């Protein structure tokens, strides 16, 4: 995700822009002040989104889609501020969908996978 500063009619705005793949379906996302979190707008129909606790880079994905996981099991290793942070399952479940890949840059509260 890239960050930009844009000035419109003397008002300065800070925006984040994420490049989507060519085959991505465009849907309208709620505005940041709508009260919804990233988990609410994650591309999901069922399950719970596991969110990045901070901005960083995905170093390793330790699970596969369809894999059964237990509460406390390591799912993803995220590097932030030169430290490795383990993202763990907060409940038992099955990995329904992995939304990131290794070396992806992620933002705080971005959905990483769906349990």
N, C-alpha and C. Protein backbone atom coordinates (compact mmCIF):
# COMPACT_ATOMS: atom_id res chain seq x y z
N UNK A 1 0.84 -1.16 0.00
CA UNK A 1 0.00 0.00 0.00
C UNK A 1 0.89 1.23 0.00
N UNK A 2 0.56 2.19 -0.82
CA UNK A 2 1.34 3.42 -0.90
C UNK A 2 0.55 4.54 -0.24
N UNK A 3 1.28 5.46 0.36
CA UNK A 3 0.66 6.60 1.02
C UNK A 3 0.95 7.86 0.21
N UNK A 4 -0.08 8.71 0.08
CA UNK A 4 0.06 9.94 -0.67
C UNK A 4 -0.55 11.08 0.13
N UNK A 5 -0.04 12.29 -0.15
CA UNK A 5 -0.64 13.50 0.39
C UNK A 5 -1.21 14.26 -0.80
N UNK A 6 -2.49 14.60 -0.71
CA UNK A 6 -3.17 15.28 -1.81
C UNK A 6 -3.77 16.57 -1.27
N UNK A 7 -3.61 17.65 -2.03
CA UNK A 7 -4.19 18.93 -1.64
C UNK A 7 -5.29 19.28 -2.62
N UNK A 8 -6.50 19.55 -2.10
CA UNK A 8 -7.64 19.93 -2.91
C UNK A 8 -8.21 21.21 -2.33
N UNK A 9 -8.24 22.26 -3.11
CA UNK A 9 -8.76 23.55 -2.68
C UNK A 9 -8.16 23.99 -1.35
N UNK A 10 -6.85 23.80 -1.21
CA UNK A 10 -6.16 24.24 0.00
C UNK A 10 -6.28 23.28 1.18
N UNK A 11 -7.09 22.24 1.07
CA UNK A 11 -7.25 21.25 2.14
C UNK A 11 -6.35 20.06 1.83
N UNK A 12 -5.51 19.64 2.81
CA UNK A 12 -4.58 18.55 2.63
C UNK A 12 -5.20 17.25 3.15
N UNK A 13 -5.13 16.21 2.32
CA UNK A 13 -5.65 14.90 2.68
C UNK A 13 -4.52 13.88 2.59
N UNK A 14 -4.49 12.94 3.53
CA UNK A 14 -3.55 11.83 3.48
C UNK A 14 -4.34 10.60 3.08
N UNK A 15 -3.92 9.94 2.01
CA UNK A 15 -4.64 8.77 1.50
C UNK A 15 -3.69 7.59 1.34
N UNK A 16 -4.26 6.39 1.42
CA UNK A 16 -3.53 5.16 1.17
C UNK A 16 -4.14 4.52 -0.06
N UNK A 17 -3.30 4.07 -0.98
CA UNK A 17 -3.76 3.48 -2.23
C UNK A 17 -3.18 2.08 -2.34
N UNK A 18 -4.05 1.10 -2.61
CA UNK A 18 -3.62 -0.28 -2.76
C UNK A 18 -3.90 -0.71 -4.19
N UNK A 19 -2.91 -1.30 -4.85
CA UNK A 19 -3.08 -1.80 -6.20
C UNK A 19 -3.80 -3.12 -6.15
N UNK A 20 -4.81 -3.28 -7.01
CA UNK A 20 -5.58 -4.51 -7.08
C UNK A 20 -5.19 -5.29 -8.32
N UNK A 21 -5.34 -6.62 -8.30
CA UNK A 21 -5.07 -7.40 -9.50
C UNK A 21 -6.09 -7.05 -10.58
N UNK A 22 -5.73 -7.30 -11.84
CA UNK A 22 -6.60 -6.95 -12.96
C UNK A 22 -7.97 -7.59 -12.88
N UNK A 23 -8.06 -8.80 -12.29
CA UNK A 23 -9.33 -9.51 -12.25
C UNK A 23 -10.14 -9.24 -10.98
N UNK A 24 -9.70 -8.25 -10.18
CA UNK A 24 -10.40 -7.94 -8.93
C UNK A 24 -11.76 -7.33 -9.24
N UNK A 25 -12.75 -7.72 -8.44
CA UNK A 25 -14.09 -7.17 -8.58
C UNK A 25 -14.15 -5.88 -7.75
N UNK A 26 -14.56 -4.81 -8.39
CA UNK A 26 -14.62 -3.52 -7.71
C UNK A 26 -15.92 -3.41 -6.94
N UNK A 27 -15.83 -3.17 -5.63
CA UNK A 27 -17.00 -2.95 -4.80
C UNK A 27 -16.76 -1.69 -3.99
N UNK A 28 -17.82 -1.02 -3.64
CA UNK A 28 -17.69 0.20 -2.85
C UNK A 28 -17.42 -0.18 -1.40
N UNK A 29 -16.41 0.42 -0.81
CA UNK A 29 -16.06 0.16 0.58
C UNK A 29 -16.61 1.28 1.44
N UNK A 30 -17.03 0.97 2.67
CA UNK A 30 -17.50 2.04 3.56
C UNK A 30 -16.38 3.01 3.88
N UNK A 31 -16.74 4.26 4.14
CA UNK A 31 -15.75 5.26 4.51
C UNK A 31 -15.22 4.98 5.89
N UNK A 32 -14.02 5.48 6.18
CA UNK A 32 -13.36 5.21 7.46
C UNK A 32 -14.20 5.64 8.65
N UNK A 33 -15.01 6.69 8.49
CA UNK A 33 -15.78 7.18 9.62
C UNK A 33 -17.14 6.50 9.74
N UNK A 34 -17.35 5.41 9.01
CA UNK A 34 -18.64 4.74 9.05
C UNK A 34 -18.82 3.89 10.29
N UNK A 35 -17.74 3.73 11.09
CA UNK A 35 -17.84 2.93 12.29
C UNK A 35 -17.55 1.46 12.06
N UNK A 36 -17.30 1.06 10.82
CA UNK A 36 -17.00 -0.33 10.53
C UNK A 36 -15.49 -0.53 10.52
N UNK A 37 -15.06 -1.69 10.99
CA UNK A 37 -13.64 -2.01 10.98
C UNK A 37 -13.32 -2.78 9.71
N UNK A 38 -12.01 -3.02 9.47
CA UNK A 38 -11.60 -3.79 8.31
C UNK A 38 -12.22 -5.17 8.33
N UNK A 39 -12.42 -5.74 9.51
CA UNK A 39 -13.02 -7.07 9.61
C UNK A 39 -14.43 -7.05 9.03
N UNK A 40 -15.15 -5.93 9.16
CA UNK A 40 -16.50 -5.85 8.65
C UNK A 40 -16.55 -5.76 7.13
N UNK A 41 -15.50 -5.27 6.50
CA UNK A 41 -15.51 -5.09 5.06
C UNK A 41 -14.60 -6.08 4.34
N UNK A 42 -14.06 -7.05 5.09
CA UNK A 42 -13.18 -8.05 4.48
C UNK A 42 -13.99 -8.87 3.49
N UNK A 43 -13.33 -9.36 2.43
CA UNK A 43 -14.04 -10.15 1.44
C UNK A 43 -14.40 -11.51 2.02
N UNK A 44 -15.54 -11.58 2.69
CA UNK A 44 -15.93 -12.81 3.35
C UNK A 44 -17.43 -12.91 3.38
N UNK A 45 -17.92 -14.11 3.48
CA UNK A 45 -19.34 -14.32 3.69
C UNK A 45 -19.56 -15.02 5.01
N UNK A 46 -18.60 -15.83 5.43
CA UNK A 46 -18.69 -16.54 6.69
C UNK A 46 -17.32 -16.54 7.33
N UNK A 47 -17.29 -16.70 8.64
CA UNK A 47 -16.02 -16.83 9.33
C UNK A 47 -15.59 -15.55 10.00
N UNK A 48 -14.44 -15.65 10.65
CA UNK A 48 -13.89 -14.53 11.40
C UNK A 48 -12.58 -14.10 10.77
N UNK A 49 -12.43 -12.81 10.52
CA UNK A 49 -11.20 -12.29 9.94
C UNK A 49 -10.14 -12.15 11.03
N UNK A 50 -8.95 -12.65 10.77
CA UNK A 50 -7.81 -12.44 11.64
C UNK A 50 -7.10 -11.20 11.10
N UNK A 51 -6.95 -10.17 11.93
CA UNK A 51 -6.45 -8.89 11.48
C UNK A 51 -4.99 -8.68 11.87
N UNK A 52 -4.29 -7.91 11.05
CA UNK A 52 -2.91 -7.52 11.39
C UNK A 52 -2.98 -6.53 12.54
N UNK A 53 -2.25 -6.78 13.63
CA UNK A 53 -2.29 -5.85 14.76
C UNK A 53 -1.51 -4.56 14.50
N UNK A 54 -0.69 -4.58 13.44
CA UNK A 54 0.14 -3.42 13.10
C UNK A 54 0.53 -3.51 11.63
N UNK A 55 1.00 -2.42 11.07
CA UNK A 55 1.51 -2.43 9.70
C UNK A 55 2.82 -3.21 9.68
N UNK A 56 3.07 -3.93 8.61
CA UNK A 56 4.31 -4.69 8.50
C UNK A 56 4.36 -5.48 7.21
N UNK A 57 5.25 -6.48 7.19
CA UNK A 57 5.45 -7.33 6.02
C UNK A 57 5.21 -8.79 6.43
N UNK A 58 4.47 -9.51 5.61
CA UNK A 58 4.22 -10.93 5.87
C UNK A 58 5.50 -11.69 5.56
N UNK A 59 6.10 -12.28 6.59
CA UNK A 59 7.32 -13.07 6.40
C UNK A 59 7.00 -14.51 6.03
N UNK A 60 6.12 -15.14 6.83
CA UNK A 60 5.79 -16.55 6.60
C UNK A 60 4.31 -16.79 6.87
N UNK A 61 3.73 -17.65 6.06
CA UNK A 61 2.37 -18.13 6.30
C UNK A 61 2.52 -19.57 6.74
N UNK A 62 2.07 -19.87 7.95
CA UNK A 62 2.33 -21.15 8.58
C UNK A 62 1.19 -22.16 8.42
N UNK A 63 0.10 -21.75 7.76
CA UNK A 63 -1.06 -22.62 7.59
C UNK A 63 -1.48 -22.64 6.13
N UNK A 64 -2.37 -23.56 5.82
CA UNK A 64 -2.92 -23.67 4.46
C UNK A 64 -4.45 -23.60 4.55
N UNK A 65 -5.08 -23.20 3.46
CA UNK A 65 -6.55 -23.17 3.44
C UNK A 65 -7.07 -24.58 3.68
N UNK A 66 -8.10 -24.68 4.49
CA UNK A 66 -8.68 -25.96 4.83
C UNK A 66 -8.07 -26.61 6.06
N UNK A 67 -6.98 -26.05 6.56
CA UNK A 67 -6.30 -26.62 7.72
C UNK A 67 -7.06 -26.30 9.00
N UNK A 68 -7.21 -27.29 9.87
CA UNK A 68 -7.83 -27.10 11.18
C UNK A 68 -6.78 -26.54 12.13
N UNK A 69 -7.14 -25.50 12.89
CA UNK A 69 -6.20 -24.89 13.84
C UNK A 69 -6.85 -24.81 15.21
N UNK A 70 -6.01 -24.77 16.22
CA UNK A 70 -6.46 -24.66 17.61
C UNK A 70 -6.15 -23.26 18.13
N UNK A 71 -6.90 -22.83 19.12
CA UNK A 71 -6.67 -21.53 19.75
C UNK A 71 -5.22 -21.45 20.22
N UNK A 72 -4.54 -20.34 19.89
CA UNK A 72 -3.15 -20.13 20.29
C UNK A 72 -2.13 -20.62 19.27
N UNK A 73 -2.59 -21.31 18.22
CA UNK A 73 -1.67 -21.82 17.20
C UNK A 73 -1.18 -20.68 16.31
N UNK A 74 0.10 -20.70 15.96
CA UNK A 74 0.67 -19.67 15.09
C UNK A 74 0.13 -19.82 13.68
N UNK A 75 -0.28 -18.70 13.08
CA UNK A 75 -0.84 -18.69 11.74
C UNK A 75 0.08 -18.00 10.74
N UNK A 76 0.56 -16.82 11.11
CA UNK A 76 1.35 -15.98 10.21
C UNK A 76 2.44 -15.29 11.03
N UNK A 77 3.60 -15.10 10.42
CA UNK A 77 4.67 -14.31 11.04
C UNK A 77 4.74 -12.99 10.28
N UNK A 78 4.58 -11.91 11.03
CA UNK A 78 4.55 -10.55 10.47
C UNK A 78 5.76 -9.80 11.00
N UNK A 79 6.54 -9.18 10.10
CA UNK A 79 7.67 -8.36 10.53
C UNK A 79 7.22 -6.91 10.60
N UNK A 80 7.47 -6.31 11.75
CA UNK A 80 7.15 -4.89 11.93
C UNK A 80 8.24 -4.30 12.80
N UNK A 81 8.81 -3.19 12.38
CA UNK A 81 9.87 -2.50 13.10
C UNK A 81 11.02 -3.45 13.44
N UNK A 82 11.39 -4.27 12.46
CA UNK A 82 12.51 -5.21 12.56
C UNK A 82 12.31 -6.28 13.63
N UNK A 83 11.06 -6.51 14.00
CA UNK A 83 10.74 -7.57 14.95
C UNK A 83 9.73 -8.52 14.31
N UNK A 84 9.88 -9.81 14.62
CA UNK A 84 8.93 -10.80 14.13
C UNK A 84 7.79 -10.94 15.13
N UNK A 85 6.57 -10.83 14.63
CA UNK A 85 5.37 -10.94 15.46
C UNK A 85 4.54 -12.11 14.96
N UNK A 86 4.21 -13.01 15.86
CA UNK A 86 3.41 -14.18 15.49
C UNK A 86 1.94 -13.84 15.63
N UNK A 87 1.19 -14.08 14.58
CA UNK A 87 -0.25 -13.89 14.61
C UNK A 87 -0.84 -15.26 14.95
N UNK A 88 -1.59 -15.33 16.04
CA UNK A 88 -2.10 -16.62 16.51
C UNK A 88 -3.62 -16.67 16.42
N UNK A 89 -4.13 -17.89 16.30
CA UNK A 89 -5.58 -18.10 16.27
C UNK A 89 -6.15 -17.76 17.63
N UNK A 90 -7.22 -16.97 17.65
CA UNK A 90 -7.84 -16.64 18.93
C UNK A 90 -9.00 -17.56 19.25
N UNK A 91 -9.21 -18.55 18.39
CA UNK A 91 -10.23 -19.57 18.64
C UNK A 91 -9.93 -20.78 17.77
N UNK A 92 -10.50 -21.93 18.12
CA UNK A 92 -10.37 -23.11 17.28
C UNK A 92 -11.15 -22.87 15.99
N UNK A 93 -10.70 -23.44 14.88
CA UNK A 93 -11.42 -23.28 13.63
C UNK A 93 -10.69 -23.89 12.46
N UNK A 94 -11.18 -23.58 11.28
CA UNK A 94 -10.60 -24.04 10.03
C UNK A 94 -10.23 -22.81 9.22
N UNK A 95 -9.05 -22.83 8.62
CA UNK A 95 -8.62 -21.71 7.77
C UNK A 95 -9.46 -21.77 6.50
N UNK A 96 -10.39 -20.82 6.36
CA UNK A 96 -11.29 -20.81 5.19
C UNK A 96 -10.63 -20.16 3.98
N UNK A 97 -9.88 -19.08 4.25
CA UNK A 97 -9.29 -18.33 3.12
C UNK A 97 -8.09 -17.54 3.62
N UNK A 98 -7.00 -17.58 2.87
CA UNK A 98 -5.82 -16.77 3.16
C UNK A 98 -5.84 -15.58 2.21
N UNK A 99 -5.79 -14.38 2.76
CA UNK A 99 -5.97 -13.16 1.97
C UNK A 99 -4.68 -12.45 1.61
N UNK A 100 -3.55 -12.95 2.10
CA UNK A 100 -2.25 -12.33 1.83
C UNK A 100 -1.28 -13.40 1.35
N UNK A 101 -0.12 -12.95 0.88
CA UNK A 101 0.95 -13.89 0.52
C UNK A 101 2.25 -13.38 1.12
N UNK A 102 3.23 -14.26 1.17
CA UNK A 102 4.51 -13.86 1.75
C UNK A 102 5.08 -12.65 1.01
N UNK A 103 5.71 -11.78 1.75
CA UNK A 103 6.31 -10.52 1.29
C UNK A 103 5.30 -9.41 1.02
N UNK A 104 4.01 -9.65 1.25
CA UNK A 104 3.01 -8.59 1.12
C UNK A 104 3.20 -7.58 2.25
N UNK A 105 3.04 -6.31 1.93
CA UNK A 105 2.98 -5.27 2.96
C UNK A 105 1.52 -5.15 3.39
N UNK A 106 1.29 -5.10 4.69
CA UNK A 106 -0.07 -4.99 5.20
C UNK A 106 -0.17 -3.80 6.13
N UNK A 107 -1.37 -3.29 6.26
CA UNK A 107 -1.65 -2.16 7.14
C UNK A 107 -2.26 -2.68 8.43
N UNK A 108 -2.22 -1.87 9.45
CA UNK A 108 -2.86 -2.20 10.72
C UNK A 108 -4.35 -2.46 10.48
N UNK A 109 -4.87 -3.51 11.09
CA UNK A 109 -6.27 -3.92 10.99
C UNK A 109 -6.67 -4.47 9.62
N UNK A 110 -5.70 -4.78 8.77
CA UNK A 110 -6.01 -5.41 7.48
C UNK A 110 -6.27 -6.89 7.73
N UNK A 111 -7.29 -7.44 7.08
CA UNK A 111 -7.60 -8.86 7.21
C UNK A 111 -6.50 -9.69 6.56
N UNK A 112 -5.98 -10.67 7.31
CA UNK A 112 -4.92 -11.54 6.83
C UNK A 112 -5.48 -12.88 6.34
N UNK A 113 -6.41 -13.42 7.11
CA UNK A 113 -7.04 -14.68 6.73
C UNK A 113 -8.39 -14.78 7.41
N UNK A 114 -9.19 -15.72 6.94
CA UNK A 114 -10.53 -15.95 7.50
C UNK A 114 -10.56 -17.33 8.14
N UNK A 115 -10.97 -17.37 9.40
CA UNK A 115 -11.17 -18.65 10.11
C UNK A 115 -12.62 -19.03 10.03
